[in-house]
């Protein structure tokens, strides 16, 4: 009977050891995955900040005016070039 108990305890001990090794492996794998996800999140934050900076630069009034003058040939309206329309009384 003692030999049978020893065998059962040995099998239980080996099973627990295998489960422990598997749990440690899974924990390491998940930790590595977490670190990769955090690194990707940091990279996305950097890209987001750069996009916000680009957007603020591109939306500045002086830049828009310069592009309108250079690319579209637009000029500011002067009072001499302004035409006023009036509605006549019927």
C-alpha atoms as a PDB file:
ATOM      1  CA  UNK A   1       0.000   0.000   0.000  1.00  0.00           C
ATOM      2  CA  UNK A   2       2.856   2.396   0.829  1.00  0.00           C
ATOM      3  CA  UNK A   3       4.349   1.868  -2.631  1.00  0.00           C
ATOM      4  CA  UNK A   4       1.047   2.781  -4.259  1.00  0.00           C
ATOM      5  CA  UNK A   5       0.771   6.013  -2.264  1.00  0.00           C
ATOM      6  CA  UNK A   6       4.349   6.922  -3.165  1.00  0.00           C
ATOM      7  CA  UNK A   7       3.579   6.327  -6.842  1.00  0.00           C
ATOM      8  CA  UNK A   8       0.431   8.495  -6.702  1.00  0.00           C
ATOM      9  CA  UNK A   9       2.289  11.256  -4.873  1.00  0.00           C
ATOM     10  CA  UNK A  10       5.144  11.081  -7.401  1.00  0.00           C
ATOM     11  CA  UNK A  11       2.693  11.346 -10.315  1.00  0.00           C
ATOM     12  CA  UNK A  12       0.960  14.285  -8.593  1.00  0.00           C
ATOM     13  CA  UNK A  13       4.326  15.960  -7.964  1.00  0.00           C
ATOM     14  CA  UNK A  14       5.404  15.550 -11.604  1.00  0.00           C
ATOM     15  CA  UNK A  15       2.013  16.867 -12.803  1.00  0.00           C
ATOM     16  CA  UNK A  16       2.318  19.914 -10.514  1.00  0.00           C
ATOM     17  CA  UNK A  17       5.875  20.541 -11.727  1.00  0.00           C
ATOM     18  CA  UNK A  18       4.756  20.381 -15.370  1.00  0.00           C
ATOM     19  CA  UNK A  19       1.852  22.741 -14.653  1.00  0.00           C
ATOM     20  CA  UNK A  20       4.243  25.149 -12.933  1.00  0.00           C
ATOM     21  CA  UNK A  21       6.636  25.122 -15.893  1.00  0.00           C
ATOM     22  CA  UNK A  22       3.719  25.699 -18.276  1.00  0.00           C
ATOM     23  CA  UNK A  23       2.390  28.583 -16.144  1.00  0.00           C
ATOM     24  CA  UNK A  24       5.829  30.237 -16.058  1.00  0.00           C
ATOM     25  CA  UNK A  25       6.162  29.861 -19.820  1.00  0.00           C
ATOM     26  CA  UNK A  26       2.728  31.421 -20.382  1.00  0.00           C
ATOM     27  CA  UNK A  27       3.551  34.274 -17.987  1.00  0.00           C
ATOM     28  CA  UNK A  28       6.802  35.029 -19.833  1.00  0.00           C
ATOM     29  CA  UNK A  29       5.048  34.884 -23.203  1.00  0.00           C
ATOM     30  CA  UNK A  30       2.311  37.247 -22.022  1.00  0.00           C
ATOM     31  CA  UNK A  31       4.864  39.624 -20.489  1.00  0.00           C
ATOM     32  CA  UNK A  32       6.781  39.805 -23.774  1.00  0.00           C
ATOM     33  CA  UNK A  33       3.511  40.416 -25.630  1.00  0.00           C
ATOM     34  CA  UNK A  34       2.626  43.174 -23.150  1.00  0.00           C
ATOM     35  CA  UNK A  35       6.027  44.857 -23.631  1.00  0.00           C
ATOM     36  CA  UNK A  36       5.598  44.750 -27.408  1.00  0.00           C
ATOM     37  CA  UNK A  37       2.123  46.268 -27.155  1.00  0.00           C
ATOM     38  CA  UNK A  38       3.422  49.027 -24.865  1.00  0.00           C
ATOM     39  CA  UNK A  39       6.257  49.773 -27.292  1.00  0.00           C
ATOM     40  CA  UNK A  40       3.749  49.954 -30.155  1.00  0.00           C
ATOM     41  CA  UNK A  41       1.553  52.291 -28.092  1.00  0.00           C
ATOM     42  CA  UNK A  42       4.540  54.567 -27.391  1.00  0.00           C
ATOM     43  CA  UNK A  43       5.381  54.635 -31.103  1.00  0.00           C
ATOM     44  CA  UNK A  44       1.777  55.508 -31.980  1.00  0.00           C
ATOM     45  CA  UNK A  45       1.834  58.337 -29.428  1.00  0.00           C
ATOM     46  CA  UNK A  46       4.986  59.722 -31.012  1.00  0.00           C
ATOM     47  CA  UNK A  47       3.393  59.533 -34.464  1.00  0.00           C
ATOM     48  CA  UNK A  48       0.203  61.182 -33.150  1.00  0.00           C
ATOM     49  CA  UNK A  49       2.200  64.047 -31.666  1.00  0.00           C
ATOM     50  CA  UNK A  50       4.058  64.494 -34.946  1.00  0.00           C
ATOM     51  CA  UNK A  51       0.770  64.525 -36.895  1.00  0.00           C
ATOM     52  CA  UNK A  52      -0.680  67.139 -34.552  1.00  0.00           C
ATOM     53  CA  UNK A  53       2.421  69.290 -35.018  1.00  0.00           C
ATOM     54  CA  UNK A  54       2.198  68.880 -38.798  1.00  0.00           C
ATOM     55  CA  UNK A  55      -1.484  69.802 -38.753  1.00  0.00           C
ATOM     56  CA  UNK A  56      -0.890  72.953 -36.721  1.00  0.00           C
ATOM     57  CA  UNK A  57       1.950  73.960 -39.037  1.00  0.00           C
ATOM     58  CA  UNK A  58      -0.065  73.365 -42.197  1.00  0.00           C
ATOM     59  CA  UNK A  59      -3.112  75.218 -40.886  1.00  0.00           C
ATOM     60  CA  UNK A  60      -1.348  78.490 -40.045  1.00  0.00           C
ATOM     61  CA  UNK A  61      -2.855  81.516 -41.754  1.00  0.00           C
ATOM     62  CA  UNK A  62       0.455  82.790 -43.151  1.00  0.00           C
ATOM     63  CA  UNK A  63       1.195  79.440 -44.794  1.00  0.00           C
ATOM     64  CA  UNK A  64      -2.259  79.277 -46.353  1.00  0.00           C
ATOM     65  CA  UNK A  65      -1.923  82.832 -47.645  1.00  0.00           C
ATOM     66  CA  UNK A  66       1.529  82.122 -49.089  1.00  0.00           C
ATOM     67  CA  UNK A  67       0.284  79.013 -50.869  1.00  0.00           C
ATOM     68  CA  UNK A  68      -2.740  80.876 -52.222  1.00  0.00           C
ATOM     69  CA  UNK A  69      -0.539  83.620 -53.643  1.00  0.00           C
ATOM     70  CA  UNK A  70       2.135  81.303 -55.028  1.00  0.00           C
ATOM     71  CA  UNK A  71       0.101  78.342 -56.311  1.00  0.00           C
ATOM     72  CA  UNK A  72      -3.218  79.962 -57.205  1.00  0.00           C
ATOM     73  CA  UNK A  73      -2.082  83.474 -58.095  1.00  0.00           C
ATOM     74  CA  UNK A  74      -4.479  85.042 -55.609  1.00  0.00           C
ATOM     75  CA  UNK A  75      -4.031  88.616 -54.427  1.00  0.00           C
ATOM     76  CA  UNK A  76      -5.697  90.563 -51.620  1.00  0.00           C
ATOM     77  CA  UNK A  77      -8.798  92.524 -52.554  1.00  0.00           C
ATOM     78  CA  UNK A  78      -8.364  96.278 -52.522  1.00  0.00           C
ATOM     79  CA  UNK A  79     -11.185  98.819 -52.284  1.00  0.00           C
ATOM     80  CA  UNK A  80     -10.412  99.932 -55.840  1.00  0.00           C
ATOM     81  CA  UNK A  81     -11.169  96.421 -57.144  1.00  0.00           C
ATOM     82  CA  UNK A  82     -14.316  95.951 -55.095  1.00  0.00           C
ATOM     83  CA  UNK A  83     -17.716  96.225 -56.773  1.00  0.00           C
ATOM     84  CA  UNK A  84     -20.784  96.959 -54.678  1.00  0.00           C
ATOM     85  CA  UNK A  85     -24.192  95.830 -55.787  1.00  0.00           C
ATOM     86  CA  UNK A  86     -27.264  97.695 -54.689  1.00  0.00           C
ATOM     87  CA  UNK A  87     -30.821  96.565 -54.898  1.00  0.00           C
ATOM     88  CA  UNK A  88     -33.061  98.995 -56.651  1.00  0.00           C
ATOM     89  CA  UNK A  89     -36.519  99.811 -55.328  1.00  0.00           C
ATOM     90  CA  UNK A  90     -39.377  98.358 -57.383  1.00  0.00           C
END
